[in-house]
Amino acid sequence: MKLIIQIPCYNEEESLPEALACLPREVPGVDVVEWLIINDGSKDRTVEVAKAHGVDHIVDLPVNMGLAHGFMAGLHRALAEGADIIVNTDADNQYNADDIPKLIQPILDREAQYVIGARPIPDIEHFSRTKRFLQRLGSRVVQIVSRTDVADAPSGFRALHRDVALRINVFDSYTYTLESIIQAGLSDFRIVSVPIRVNGETRPSRLVKSIRDYVRRSISSILKAFFVYKPGKTFFLLGLVPGILGLILTMRWLILYFGGTDRAHVPSLVAAAVLLITGLLFWVAGLLGELFAINRRLLQDIQYMQRQDRAARDTAARLLRERGAGQGDLTPPGRIMGAPPR
């Protein structure tokens, strides 16, 4: 059983040493613990600091591509390195690394496949009242959409079983936290929350530049998830309002018409027709969305099998490369077992 702890990094040369110093090298129930950082186009000495502190794997992105892209790049590399469990944490040492055993325990006990660390939001001193309210509100919305009981949806301290990492996709370029939970929940993965501890604030959040920006981006992420993962219900609800209003205006026009009114009430009739057509278009869009969702699920199954195959080939190539290095074998690793050139 291998555990890989990944840390997305962007210009983290100052905070990274403290975060790495707190990470464990041994965890109960796990045979191997390795560290991985995703250098998201840092312009400082993040990579050099990581190497100096014994990081096992480094994903070095050429430019800053955002937290969501870095998270997915880390998952792919961790799978290639043979990870059975992947823990994601932050480079600012916000989360208490001593809680990693608690975080992965539900996976080891086969009680969950995706575990989210729930911070003690009311007790975090540097969180304003507005931010605490928005954290609770956002988590509640994610609970409803994903059909899960996640207490702290924006938390970046989370553990994933290999199967979840193989299936998960993130389309939002801003953050992975909300969308990954929604996708996993609607894919019937077992998700649980465990209470965790946090450390003091080491630096202001780079993700939350302002409350207004955070709210706007979070709403955008949730709406995208609605349209992608629940198109039928979303478009049905959107079409319900104009559909009902159109029916009301139509009934009003019929009552007036058969009641012998002197006026034609053409504007009401035109408005009713427009509203009914609008509602019908929304419902047709929902039907098409459900058909596309079936294709998306089929493509996800194909992608899952391809990722499984690629991860297996990468792991086999790595093991043979390590064995060959110990025996002085100079065979190019990219050609072992049909693995693609690196």
C-alpha atoms as a PDB file:
ATOM      1  CA  MET A   1       0.000   0.000   0.000  1.00  0.00           C
ATOM      2  CA  LYS A   2       1.548   3.276  -1.147  1.00  0.00           C
ATOM      3  CA  LEU A   3       0.525   6.737   0.008  1.00  0.00           C
ATOM      4  CA  ILE A   4       1.622   9.813  -1.932  1.00  0.00           C
ATOM      5  CA  ILE A   5       1.164  13.233  -0.354  1.00  0.00           C
ATOM      6  CA  GLN A   6       0.908  15.937  -3.009  1.00  0.00           C
ATOM      7  CA  ILE A   7       1.282  19.693  -2.596  1.00  0.00           C
ATOM      8  CA  PRO A   8       0.404  22.181  -5.354  1.00  0.00           C
ATOM      9  CA  CYS A   9       2.929  25.041  -5.230  1.00  0.00           C
ATOM     10  CA  TYR A  10       3.212  28.504  -6.722  1.00  0.00           C
ATOM     11  CA  ASN A  11       6.111  30.613  -5.446  1.00  0.00           C
ATOM     12  CA  GLU A  12       6.264  28.761  -2.130  1.00  0.00           C
ATOM     13  CA  GLU A  13       9.994  28.813  -1.326  1.00  0.00           C
ATOM     14  CA  GLU A  14       9.356  30.528   2.025  1.00  0.00           C
ATOM     15  CA  SER A  15       6.462  28.420   3.341  1.00  0.00           C
ATOM     16  CA  LEU A  16       7.295  25.067   1.737  1.00  0.00           C
ATOM     17  CA  PRO A  17      10.122  24.061   4.138  1.00  0.00           C
ATOM     18  CA  GLU A  18       7.797  24.283   7.138  1.00  0.00           C
ATOM     19  CA  ALA A  19       5.050  22.363   5.345  1.00  0.00           C
ATOM     20  CA  LEU A  20       7.461  19.583   4.319  1.00  0.00           C
ATOM     21  CA  ALA A  21       8.980  19.388   7.788  1.00  0.00           C
ATOM     22  CA  CYS A  22       5.558  18.516   9.178  1.00  0.00           C
ATOM     23  CA  LEU A  23       4.786  15.746   6.666  1.00  0.00           C
ATOM     24  CA  PRO A  24       5.116  12.157   7.889  1.00  0.00           C
ATOM     25  CA  ARG A  25       7.375   9.516   6.370  1.00  0.00           C
ATOM     26  CA  GLU A  26       5.518   6.711   8.120  1.00  0.00           C
ATOM     27  CA  VAL A  27       1.751   6.292   8.457  1.00  0.00           C
ATOM     28  CA  PRO A  28       0.004   3.329  10.153  1.00  0.00           C
ATOM     29  CA  GLY A  29      -1.586   0.969   7.653  1.00  0.00           C
ATOM     30  CA  VAL A  30       0.604   2.166   4.778  1.00  0.00           C
ATOM     31  CA  ASP A  31       3.805   0.508   3.578  1.00  0.00           C
ATOM     32  CA  VAL A  32       5.326   3.410   1.638  1.00  0.00           C
ATOM     33  CA  VAL A  33       4.900   7.169   2.047  1.00  0.00           C
ATOM     34  CA  GLU A  34       6.228   9.476  -0.656  1.00  0.00           C
ATOM     35  CA  TRP A  35       5.993  13.222  -1.255  1.00  0.00           C
ATOM     36  CA  LEU A  36       5.116  14.977  -4.495  1.00  0.00           C
ATOM     37  CA  ILE A  37       4.951  18.658  -5.322  1.00  0.00           C
ATOM     38  CA  ILE A  38       3.363  20.295  -8.346  1.00  0.00           C
ATOM     39  CA  ASN A  39       5.376  23.366  -9.273  1.00  0.00           C
ATOM     40  CA  ASP A  40       2.778  25.509 -11.014  1.00  0.00           C
ATOM     41  CA  GLY A  41       5.144  27.746 -12.962  1.00  0.00           C
ATOM     42  CA  SER A  42       6.848  29.224  -9.905  1.00  0.00           C
ATOM     43  CA  LYS A  43       9.344  32.013 -10.528  1.00  0.00           C
ATOM     44  CA  ASP A  44      11.240  31.521  -7.269  1.00  0.00           C
ATOM     45  CA  ARG A  45      13.290  28.633  -5.845  1.00  0.00           C
ATOM     46  CA  THR A  46      10.350  26.331  -5.081  1.00  0.00           C
ATOM     47  CA  VAL A  47      11.820  23.378  -6.990  1.00  0.00           C
ATOM     48  CA  GLU A  48      15.276  23.758  -5.431  1.00  0.00           C
ATOM     49  CA  VAL A  49      13.757  23.950  -1.950  1.00  0.00           C
ATOM     50  CA  ALA A  50      11.663  20.844  -2.613  1.00  0.00           C
ATOM     51  CA  LYS A  51      14.699  18.863  -3.766  1.00  0.00           C
ATOM     52  CA  ALA A  52      16.728  20.016  -0.775  1.00  0.00           C
ATOM     53  CA  HIS A  53      14.028  18.768   1.603  1.00  0.00           C
ATOM     54  CA  GLY A  54      13.794  15.287   0.114  1.00  0.00           C
ATOM     55  CA  VAL A  55      10.688  15.492  -2.074  1.00  0.00           C
ATOM     56  CA  ASP A  56      10.404  12.241  -4.031  1.00  0.00           C
ATOM     57  CA  HIS A  57       8.542  13.463  -7.110  1.00  0.00           C
ATOM     58  CA  ILE A  58       8.267  16.867  -8.786  1.00  0.00           C
ATOM     59  CA  VAL A  59       5.777  17.848 -11.494  1.00  0.00           C
ATOM     60  CA  ASP A  60       7.223  20.998 -13.045  1.00  0.00           C
ATOM     61  CA  LEU A  61       4.651  22.908 -15.109  1.00  0.00           C
ATOM     62  CA  PRO A  62       6.222  25.434 -17.506  1.00  0.00           C
ATOM     63  CA  VAL A  63       3.808  28.286 -16.677  1.00  0.00           C
ATOM     64  CA  ASN A  64       1.236  29.043 -14.002  1.00  0.00           C
ATOM     65  CA  MET A  65      -1.882  27.116 -15.049  1.00  0.00           C
ATOM     66  CA  GLY A  66      -4.009  27.421 -11.919  1.00  0.00           C
ATOM     67  CA  LEU A  67      -4.836  25.327  -8.883  1.00  0.00           C
ATOM     68  CA  ALA A  68      -7.291  23.003 -10.629  1.00  0.00           C
ATOM     69  CA  HIS A  69      -4.840  22.085 -13.394  1.00  0.00           C
ATOM     70  CA  GLY A  70      -2.055  21.565 -10.868  1.00  0.00           C
ATOM     71  CA  PHE A  71      -4.255  19.296  -8.767  1.00  0.00           C
ATOM     72  CA  MET A  72      -5.074  17.081 -11.758  1.00  0.00           C
ATOM     73  CA  ALA A  73      -1.438  16.998 -12.900  1.00  0.00           C
ATOM     74  CA  GLY A  74      -0.474  15.796  -9.423  1.00  0.00           C
ATOM     75  CA  LEU A  75      -3.096  13.037  -9.483  1.00  0.00           C
ATOM     76  CA  HIS A  76      -1.869  11.761 -12.835  1.00  0.00           C
ATOM     77  CA  ARG A  77       1.740  11.663 -11.669  1.00  0.00           C
ATOM     78  CA  ALA A  78       0.810  10.002  -8.377  1.00  0.00           C
ATOM     79  CA  LEU A  79      -1.080   7.297 -10.267  1.00  0.00           C
ATOM     80  CA  ALA A  80       1.906   6.780 -12.543  1.00  0.00           C
ATOM     81  CA  GLU A  81       4.075   6.314  -9.438  1.00  0.00           C
ATOM     82  CA  GLY A  82       1.762   3.564  -8.202  1.00  0.00           C
ATOM     83  CA  ALA A  83      -0.152   5.442  -5.490  1.00  0.00           C
ATOM     84  CA  ASP A  84      -3.001   3.554  -3.831  1.00  0.00           C
ATOM     85  CA  ILE A  85      -4.028   6.584  -1.764  1.00  0.00           C
ATOM     86  CA  ILE A  86      -3.358  10.239  -2.576  1.00  0.00           C
ATOM     87  CA  VAL A  87      -3.493  12.981   0.037  1.00  0.00           C
ATOM     88  CA  ASN A  88      -3.692  16.598  -1.104  1.00  0.00           C
ATOM     89  CA  THR A  89      -2.591  19.404   1.200  1.00  0.00           C
ATOM     90  CA  ASP A  90      -1.480  23.033   0.884  1.00  0.00           C
ATOM     91  CA  ALA A  91       2.007  24.504   0.773  1.00  0.00           C
ATOM     92  CA  ASP A  92       1.149  27.208   3.324  1.00  0.00           C
ATOM     93  CA  ASN A  93       0.934  24.559   6.072  1.00  0.00           C
ATOM     94  CA  GLN A  94      -2.658  25.561   6.799  1.00  0.00           C
ATOM     95  CA  TYR A  95      -3.641  21.978   7.624  1.00  0.00           C
ATOM     96  CA  ASN A  96      -2.202  19.970  10.490  1.00  0.00           C
ATOM     97  CA  ALA A  97      -0.227  17.140   8.885  1.00  0.00           C
ATOM     98  CA  ASP A  98      -0.550  15.047  12.051  1.00  0.00           C
ATOM     99  CA  ASP A  99      -4.150  14.401  10.970  1.00  0.00           C
ATOM    100  CA  ILE A 100      -3.128  12.546   7.799  1.00  0.00           C
ATOM    101  CA  PRO A 101      -3.554   9.117   9.492  1.00  0.00           C
ATOM    102  CA  LYS A 102      -7.066  10.152  10.541  1.00  0.00           C
ATOM    103  CA  LEU A 103      -7.761  11.423   7.038  1.00  0.00           C
ATOM    104  CA  ILE A 104      -6.893   8.160   5.276  1.00  0.00           C
ATOM    105  CA  GLN A 105      -8.349   5.804   7.899  1.00  0.00           C
ATOM    106  CA  PRO A 106     -11.837   5.614   6.302  1.00  0.00           C
ATOM    107  CA  ILE A 107     -10.166   4.509   3.063  1.00  0.00           C
ATOM    108  CA  LEU A 108      -8.072   1.899   4.849  1.00  0.00           C
ATOM    109  CA  ASP A 109     -11.213   0.656   6.621  1.00  0.00           C
ATOM    110  CA  ARG A 110     -13.070   0.518   3.281  1.00  0.00           C
ATOM    111  CA  GLU A 111     -15.683   2.907   4.573  1.00  0.00           C
ATOM    112  CA  ALA A 112     -15.017   5.602   1.968  1.00  0.00           C
ATOM    113  CA  GLN A 113     -13.222   6.340  -1.286  1.00  0.00           C
ATOM    114  CA  TYR A 114     -12.990  10.107  -0.917  1.00  0.00           C
ATOM    115  CA  VAL A 115     -12.346  11.829   2.423  1.00  0.00           C
ATOM    116  CA  ILE A 116     -12.591  15.572   3.005  1.00  0.00           C
ATOM    117  CA  GLY A 117     -10.975  17.158   6.039  1.00  0.00           C
ATOM    118  CA  ALA A 118     -13.496  19.362   7.838  1.00  0.00           C
ATOM    119  CA  ARG A 119     -11.902  22.403   9.457  1.00  0.00           C
ATOM    120  CA  PRO A 120     -13.280  23.876  12.703  1.00  0.00           C
ATOM    121  CA  ILE A 121     -14.627  26.910  10.841  1.00  0.00           C
ATOM    122  CA  PRO A 122     -16.205  28.678  13.871  1.00  0.00           C
ATOM    123  CA  ASP A 123     -12.909  28.472  15.770  1.00  0.00           C
ATOM    124  CA  ILE A 124     -10.565  29.801  13.066  1.00  0.00           C
ATOM    125  CA  GLU A 125      -9.650  33.278  14.245  1.00  0.00           C
ATOM    126  CA  HIS A 126      -8.508  34.766  10.925  1.00  0.00           C
ATOM    127  CA  PHE A 127     -11.821  33.865   9.224  1.00  0.00           C
ATOM    128  CA  SER A 128     -14.232  36.804   9.175  1.00  0.00           C
ATOM    129  CA  ARG A 129     -17.931  36.344   9.853  1.00  0.00           C
ATOM    130  CA  THR A 130     -18.657  36.786   6.171  1.00  0.00           C
ATOM    131  CA  LYS A 131     -16.155  34.116   5.176  1.00  0.00           C
ATOM    132  CA  ARG A 132     -17.507  31.694   7.795  1.00  0.00           C
ATOM    133  CA  PHE A 133     -21.047  32.251   6.531  1.00  0.00           C
ATOM    134  CA  LEU A 134     -19.992  31.742   2.920  1.00  0.00           C
ATOM    135  CA  GLN A 135     -18.090  28.564   3.824  1.00  0.00           C
ATOM    136  CA  ARG A 136     -21.205  27.104   5.453  1.00  0.00           C
ATOM    137  CA  LEU A 137     -23.462  28.264   2.624  1.00  0.00           C
ATOM    138  CA  GLY A 138     -21.168  26.891  -0.082  1.00  0.00           C
ATOM    139  CA  SER A 139     -20.855  23.559   1.698  1.00  0.00           C
ATOM    140  CA  ARG A 140     -24.629  23.326   2.047  1.00  0.00           C
ATOM    141  CA  VAL A 141     -25.156  23.975  -1.653  1.00  0.00           C
ATOM    142  CA  VAL A 142     -22.553  21.342  -2.563  1.00  0.00           C
ATOM    143  CA  GLN A 143     -24.269  18.868  -0.218  1.00  0.00           C
ATOM    144  CA  ILE A 144     -27.560  19.361  -2.052  1.00  0.00           C
ATOM    145  CA  VAL A 145     -26.052  19.112  -5.523  1.00  0.00           C
ATOM    146  CA  SER A 146     -23.721  16.177  -4.843  1.00  0.00           C
ATOM    147  CA  ARG A 147     -26.080  14.256  -2.527  1.00  0.00           C
ATOM    148  CA  THR A 148     -23.285  13.976   0.048  1.00  0.00           C
ATOM    149  CA  ASP A 149     -22.767  15.083   3.634  1.00  0.00           C
ATOM    150  CA  VAL A 150     -19.531  17.043   3.187  1.00  0.00           C
ATOM    151  CA  ALA A 151     -19.135  19.492   6.048  1.00  0.00           C
ATOM    152  CA  ASP A 152     -16.362  21.658   4.543  1.00  0.00           C
ATOM    153  CA  ALA A 153     -16.509  21.569   0.735  1.00  0.00           C
ATOM    154  CA  PRO A 154     -13.787  24.206   0.077  1.00  0.00           C
ATOM    155  CA  SER A 155     -11.244  22.301   2.191  1.00  0.00           C
ATOM    156  CA  GLY A 156      -8.112  21.355   0.247  1.00  0.00           C
ATOM    157  CA  PHE A 157      -7.052  18.727   2.786  1.00  0.00           C
ATOM    158  CA  ARG A 158      -8.442  15.525   1.292  1.00  0.00           C
ATOM    159  CA  ALA A 159      -7.609  11.902   0.567  1.00  0.00           C
ATOM    160  CA  LEU A 160      -8.559   9.984  -2.572  1.00  0.00           C
ATOM    161  CA  HIS A 161      -8.582   6.280  -3.284  1.00  0.00           C
ATOM    162  CA  ARG A 162      -6.893   5.253  -6.511  1.00  0.00           C
ATOM    163  CA  ASP A 163     -10.230   4.524  -8.228  1.00  0.00           C
ATOM    164  CA  VAL A 164     -11.496   8.054  -7.557  1.00  0.00           C
ATOM    165  CA  ALA A 165      -8.280   9.587  -8.892  1.00  0.00           C
ATOM    166  CA  LEU A 166      -8.599   7.491 -12.049  1.00  0.00           C
ATOM    167  CA  ARG A 167     -12.162   8.634 -12.735  1.00  0.00           C
ATOM    168  CA  ILE A 168     -12.203  12.234 -11.620  1.00  0.00           C
ATOM    169  CA  ASN A 169     -12.147  15.194 -14.030  1.00  0.00           C
ATOM    170  CA  VAL A 170     -12.071  18.900 -13.268  1.00  0.00           C
ATOM    171  CA  PHE A 171     -13.246  21.350 -15.935  1.00  0.00           C
ATOM    172  CA  ASP A 172     -13.204  24.483 -13.789  1.00  0.00           C
ATOM    173  CA  SER A 173      -9.952  26.428 -14.184  1.00  0.00           C
ATOM    174  CA  TYR A 174     -10.347  28.201 -10.823  1.00  0.00           C
ATOM    175  CA  THR A 175     -10.458  25.435  -8.213  1.00  0.00           C
ATOM    176  CA  TYR A 176     -11.009  21.704  -7.952  1.00  0.00           C
ATOM    177  CA  THR A 177     -12.588  21.653  -4.485  1.00  0.00           C
ATOM    178  CA  LEU A 178     -16.287  22.030  -5.274  1.00  0.00           C
ATOM    179  CA  GLU A 179     -16.510  20.366  -8.679  1.00  0.00           C
ATOM    180  CA  SER A 180     -14.554  17.260  -7.677  1.00  0.00           C
ATOM    181  CA  ILE A 181     -16.936  16.611  -4.776  1.00  0.00           C
ATOM    182  CA  ILE A 182     -20.006  17.112  -6.966  1.00  0.00           C
ATOM    183  CA  GLN A 183     -18.638  14.820  -9.658  1.00  0.00           C
ATOM    184  CA  ALA A 184     -17.597  12.117  -7.202  1.00  0.00           C
ATOM    185  CA  GLY A 185     -20.917  12.270  -5.357  1.00  0.00           C
ATOM    186  CA  LEU A 186     -22.988  12.000  -8.528  1.00  0.00           C
ATOM    187  CA  SER A 187     -20.733   9.116  -9.643  1.00  0.00           C
ATOM    188  CA  ASP A 188     -21.802   7.204  -6.508  1.00  0.00           C
ATOM    189  CA  PHE A 189     -18.407   7.263  -4.818  1.00  0.00           C
ATOM    190  CA  ARG A 190     -18.562   7.035  -1.048  1.00  0.00           C
ATOM    191  CA  ILE A 191     -17.535  10.438   0.398  1.00  0.00           C
ATOM    192  CA  VAL A 192     -17.141  11.229   4.087  1.00  0.00           C
ATOM    193  CA  SER A 193     -15.832  14.102   6.186  1.00  0.00           C
ATOM    194  CA  VAL A 194     -13.503  13.814   9.155  1.00  0.00           C
ATOM    195  CA  PRO A 195     -12.716  16.629  11.598  1.00  0.00           C
ATOM    196  CA  ILE A 196      -9.186  18.006  11.286  1.00  0.00           C
ATOM    197  CA  ARG A 197      -7.051  20.636  12.957  1.00  0.00           C
ATOM    198  CA  VAL A 198      -5.518  23.700  11.354  1.00  0.00           C
ATOM    199  CA  ASN A 199      -2.390  25.700  12.017  1.00  0.00           C
ATOM    200  CA  GLY A 200      -2.171  29.447  12.320  1.00  0.00           C
ATOM    201  CA  GLU A 201      -2.287  31.632   9.229  1.00  0.00           C
ATOM    202  CA  THR A 202       1.142  31.860   7.581  1.00  0.00           C
ATOM    203  CA  ARG A 203       0.146  34.103   4.665  1.00  0.00           C
ATOM    204  CA  PRO A 204      -3.045  35.473   3.054  1.00  0.00           C
ATOM    205  CA  SER A 205      -4.863  33.109   0.742  1.00  0.00           C
ATOM    206  CA  ARG A 206      -3.837  33.431  -2.892  1.00  0.00           C
ATOM    207  CA  LEU A 207      -7.017  31.768  -4.083  1.00  0.00           C
ATOM    208  CA  VAL A 208      -9.397  34.140  -2.290  1.00  0.00           C
ATOM    209  CA  LYS A 209      -8.301  37.602  -3.458  1.00  0.00           C
ATOM    210  CA  SER A 210     -11.547  39.167  -2.213  1.00  0.00           C
ATOM    211  CA  ILE A 211     -14.871  37.966  -0.857  1.00  0.00           C
ATOM    212  CA  ARG A 212     -16.685  39.285  -3.924  1.00  0.00           C
ATOM    213  CA  ASP A 213     -14.315  37.484  -6.291  1.00  0.00           C
ATOM    214  CA  TYR A 214     -14.563  34.267  -4.263  1.00  0.00           C
ATOM    215  CA  VAL A 215     -18.379  34.363  -4.262  1.00  0.00           C
ATOM    216  CA  ARG A 216     -18.521  35.066  -7.990  1.00  0.00           C
ATOM    217  CA  ARG A 217     -16.141  32.266  -8.885  1.00  0.00           C
ATOM    218  CA  SER A 218     -17.788  29.785  -6.483  1.00  0.00           C
ATOM    219  CA  ILE A 219     -21.236  30.492  -7.915  1.00  0.00           C
ATOM    220  CA  SER A 220     -19.806  30.030 -11.404  1.00  0.00           C
ATOM    221  CA  SER A 221     -18.267  26.678 -10.405  1.00  0.00           C
ATOM    222  CA  ILE A 222     -21.523  25.408  -8.892  1.00  0.00           C
ATOM    223  CA  LEU A 223     -23.610  26.530 -11.886  1.00  0.00           C
ATOM    224  CA  LYS A 224     -21.199  24.818 -14.288  1.00  0.00           C
ATOM    225  CA  ALA A 225     -21.491  21.646 -12.239  1.00  0.00           C
ATOM    226  CA  PHE A 226     -25.297  21.870 -12.410  1.00  0.00           C
ATOM    227  CA  PHE A 227     -25.307  22.183 -16.199  1.00  0.00           C
ATOM    228  CA  VAL A 228     -22.682  19.458 -16.725  1.00  0.00           C
ATOM    229  CA  TYR A 229     -23.798  16.837 -14.200  1.00  0.00           C
ATOM    230  CA  LYS A 230     -27.548  17.504 -13.778  1.00  0.00           C
ATOM    231  CA  PRO A 231     -28.670  18.995 -17.100  1.00  0.00           C
ATOM    232  CA  GLY A 232     -32.162  17.489 -17.113  1.00  0.00           C
ATOM    233  CA  LYS A 233     -33.189  18.811 -13.712  1.00  0.00           C
ATOM    234  CA  THR A 234     -31.435  22.155 -14.236  1.00  0.00           C
ATOM    235  CA  PHE A 235     -33.085  22.961 -17.574  1.00  0.00           C
ATOM    236  CA  PHE A 236     -36.438  21.650 -16.360  1.00  0.00           C
ATOM    237  CA  LEU A 237     -36.377  24.078 -13.445  1.00  0.00           C
ATOM    238  CA  LEU A 238     -35.218  26.928 -15.698  1.00  0.00           C
ATOM    239  CA  GLY A 239     -38.061  26.199 -18.114  1.00  0.00           C
ATOM    240  CA  LEU A 240     -40.638  25.865 -15.346  1.00  0.00           C
ATOM    241  CA  VAL A 241     -40.885  29.607 -14.636  1.00  0.00           C
ATOM    242  CA  PRO A 242     -41.599  30.800 -18.207  1.00  0.00           C
ATOM    243  CA  GLY A 243     -43.757  27.720 -18.778  1.00  0.00           C
ATOM    244  CA  ILE A 244     -46.013  28.468 -15.800  1.00  0.00           C
ATOM    245  CA  LEU A 245     -46.217  32.183 -16.627  1.00  0.00           C
ATOM    246  CA  GLY A 246     -47.083  31.320 -20.225  1.00  0.00           C
ATOM    247  CA  LEU A 247     -49.841  28.966 -19.096  1.00  0.00           C
ATOM    248  CA  ILE A 248     -51.268  31.632 -16.762  1.00  0.00           C
ATOM    249  CA  LEU A 249     -51.371  34.215 -19.575  1.00  0.00           C
ATOM    250  CA  THR A 250     -52.899  31.643 -21.930  1.00  0.00           C
ATOM    251  CA  MET A 251     -55.641  30.780 -19.421  1.00  0.00           C
ATOM    252  CA  ARG A 252     -56.285  34.485 -18.868  1.00  0.00           C
ATOM    253  CA  TRP A 253     -56.613  35.065 -22.606  1.00  0.00           C
ATOM    254  CA  LEU A 254     -58.977  32.086 -23.002  1.00  0.00           C
ATOM    255  CA  ILE A 255     -61.176  33.263 -20.133  1.00  0.00           C
ATOM    256  CA  LEU A 256     -61.384  36.765 -21.591  1.00  0.00           C
ATOM    257  CA  TYR A 257     -61.957  35.475 -25.121  1.00  0.00           C
ATOM    258  CA  PHE A 258     -64.791  33.121 -24.232  1.00  0.00           C
ATOM    259  CA  GLY A 259     -66.171  35.674 -21.803  1.00  0.00           C
ATOM    260  CA  GLY A 260     -67.004  37.950 -24.727  1.00  0.00           C
ATOM    261  CA  THR A 261     -64.388  40.681 -24.267  1.00  0.00           C
ATOM    262  CA  ASP A 262     -64.391  43.577 -26.710  1.00  0.00           C
ATOM    263  CA  ARG A 263     -60.592  43.604 -27.037  1.00  0.00           C
ATOM    264  CA  ALA A 264     -58.360  41.034 -28.759  1.00  0.00           C
ATOM    265  CA  HIS A 265     -55.652  41.113 -26.023  1.00  0.00           C
ATOM    266  CA  VAL A 266     -53.043  40.337 -28.660  1.00  0.00           C
ATOM    267  CA  PRO A 267     -50.063  41.477 -26.472  1.00  0.00           C
ATOM    268  CA  SER A 268     -51.040  38.948 -23.786  1.00  0.00           C
ATOM    269  CA  LEU A 269     -51.346  36.209 -26.380  1.00  0.00           C
ATOM    270  CA  VAL A 270     -47.935  37.056 -27.889  1.00  0.00           C
ATOM    271  CA  ALA A 271     -46.307  37.156 -24.444  1.00  0.00           C
ATOM    272  CA  ALA A 272     -47.844  33.785 -23.582  1.00  0.00           C
ATOM    273  CA  ALA A 273     -46.547  32.265 -26.820  1.00  0.00           C
ATOM    274  CA  VAL A 274     -43.028  33.618 -26.215  1.00  0.00           C
ATOM    275  CA  LEU A 275     -42.977  32.334 -22.644  1.00  0.00           C
ATOM    276  CA  LEU A 276     -44.266  28.882 -23.614  1.00  0.00           C
ATOM    277  CA  ILE A 277     -41.733  28.590 -26.447  1.00  0.00           C
ATOM    278  CA  THR A 278     -38.951  29.667 -24.071  1.00  0.00           C
ATOM    279  CA  GLY A 279     -39.961  27.033 -21.532  1.00  0.00           C
ATOM    280  CA  LEU A 280     -40.179  24.404 -24.267  1.00  0.00           C
ATOM    281  CA  LEU A 281     -36.673  25.298 -25.501  1.00  0.00           C
ATOM    282  CA  PHE A 282     -35.295  24.882 -21.971  1.00  0.00           C
ATOM    283  CA  TRP A 283     -36.940  21.460 -21.676  1.00  0.00           C
ATOM    284  CA  VAL A 284     -35.590  20.364 -25.063  1.00  0.00           C
ATOM    285  CA  ALA A 285     -32.139  21.529 -23.938  1.00  0.00           C
ATOM    286  CA  GLY A 286     -32.557  19.431 -20.786  1.00  0.00           C
ATOM    287  CA  LEU A 287     -33.477  16.380 -22.859  1.00  0.00           C
ATOM    288  CA  LEU A 288     -30.427  16.880 -25.084  1.00  0.00           C
ATOM    289  CA  GLY A 289     -28.306  17.411 -21.969  1.00  0.00           C
ATOM    290  CA  GLU A 290     -29.423  14.066 -20.569  1.00  0.00           C
ATOM    291  CA  LEU A 291     -28.529  12.375 -23.866  1.00  0.00           C
ATOM    292  CA  PHE A 292     -25.103  14.046 -23.782  1.00  0.00           C
ATOM    293  CA  ALA A 293     -24.735  12.944 -20.155  1.00  0.00           C
ATOM    294  CA  ILE A 294     -25.157   9.319 -21.219  1.00  0.00           C
ATOM    295  CA  ASN A 295     -22.363   9.776 -23.764  1.00  0.00           C
ATOM    296  CA  ARG A 296     -20.242  11.521 -21.127  1.00  0.00           C
ATOM    297  CA  ARG A 297     -20.604   8.568 -18.771  1.00  0.00           C
ATOM    298  CA  LEU A 298     -19.626   6.171 -21.553  1.00  0.00           C
ATOM    299  CA  LEU A 299     -16.591   8.306 -22.381  1.00  0.00           C
ATOM    300  CA  GLN A 300     -15.665   8.433 -18.694  1.00  0.00           C
ATOM    301  CA  ASP A 301     -15.690   4.629 -18.589  1.00  0.00           C
ATOM    302  CA  ILE A 302     -13.394   4.541 -21.624  1.00  0.00           C
ATOM    303  CA  GLN A 303     -11.159   7.174 -20.061  1.00  0.00           C
ATOM    304  CA  TYR A 304     -11.059   5.195 -16.812  1.00  0.00           C
ATOM    305  CA  MET A 305      -9.852   2.089 -18.623  1.00  0.00           C
ATOM    306  CA  GLN A 306      -7.261   4.088 -20.554  1.00  0.00           C
ATOM    307  CA  ARG A 307      -5.973   5.712 -17.387  1.00  0.00           C
ATOM    308  CA  GLN A 308      -5.807   2.329 -15.690  1.00  0.00           C
ATOM    309  CA  ASP A 309      -3.793   0.928 -18.569  1.00  0.00           C
ATOM    310  CA  ARG A 310      -1.488   3.935 -18.697  1.00  0.00           C
ATOM    311  CA  ALA A 311      -0.906   3.904 -14.942  1.00  0.00           C
ATOM    312  CA  ALA A 312      -0.162   0.170 -15.041  1.00  0.00           C
ATOM    313  CA  ARG A 313       2.333   0.641 -17.879  1.00  0.00           C
ATOM    314  CA  ASP A 314       3.980   3.588 -16.147  1.00  0.00           C
ATOM    315  CA  THR A 315       4.275   1.627 -12.905  1.00  0.00           C
ATOM    316  CA  ALA A 316       5.722  -1.413 -14.716  1.00  0.00           C
ATOM    317  CA  ALA A 317       8.206   0.781 -16.573  1.00  0.00           C
ATOM    318  CA  ARG A 318       9.248   2.466 -13.324  1.00  0.00           C
ATOM    319  CA  LEU A 319       9.800  -0.852 -11.543  1.00  0.00           C
ATOM    320  CA  LEU A 320      11.829  -2.238 -14.436  1.00  0.00           C
ATOM    321  CA  ARG A 321      13.813   0.994 -14.647  1.00  0.00           C
ATOM    322  CA  GLU A 322      14.620   0.828 -10.953  1.00  0.00           C
ATOM    323  CA  ARG A 323      15.584  -2.829 -11.264  1.00  0.00           C
ATOM    324  CA  GLY A 324      17.668  -2.085 -14.348  1.00  0.00           C
ATOM    325  CA  ALA A 325      19.399   0.826 -12.624  1.00  0.00           C
ATOM    326  CA  GLY A 326      20.440  -1.506  -9.845  1.00  0.00           C
ATOM    327  CA  GLN A 327      21.902  -3.949 -12.378  1.00  0.00           C
ATOM    328  CA  GLY A 328      23.513  -1.360 -14.620  1.00  0.00           C
ATOM    329  CA  ASP A 329      20.951  -1.827 -17.411  1.00  0.00           C
ATOM    330  CA  LEU A 330      20.997   1.156 -19.755  1.00  0.00           C
ATOM    331  CA  THR A 331      17.795   0.281 -21.653  1.00  0.00           C
ATOM    332  CA  PRO A 332      15.787   3.509 -22.302  1.00  0.00           C
ATOM    333  CA  PRO A 333      12.900   3.470 -19.804  1.00  0.00           C
ATOM    334  CA  GLY A 334      10.400   4.853 -22.303  1.00  0.00           C
ATOM    335  CA  ARG A 335      10.682   1.683 -24.404  1.00  0.00           C
ATOM    336  CA  ILE A 336      10.085  -0.829 -21.614  1.00  0.00           C
ATOM    337  CA  MET A 337       6.822  -2.808 -21.772  1.00  0.00           C
ATOM    338  CA  GLY A 338       5.552  -0.654 -24.619  1.00  0.00           C
ATOM    339  CA  ALA A 339       5.520   2.471 -22.464  1.00  0.00           C
ATOM    340  CA  PRO A 340       5.411   5.758 -24.422  1.00  0.00           C
ATOM    341  CA  PRO A 341       8.674   7.704 -24.687  1.00  0.00           C
ATOM    342  CA  ARG A 342       9.175  10.301 -21.947  1.00  0.00           C
END
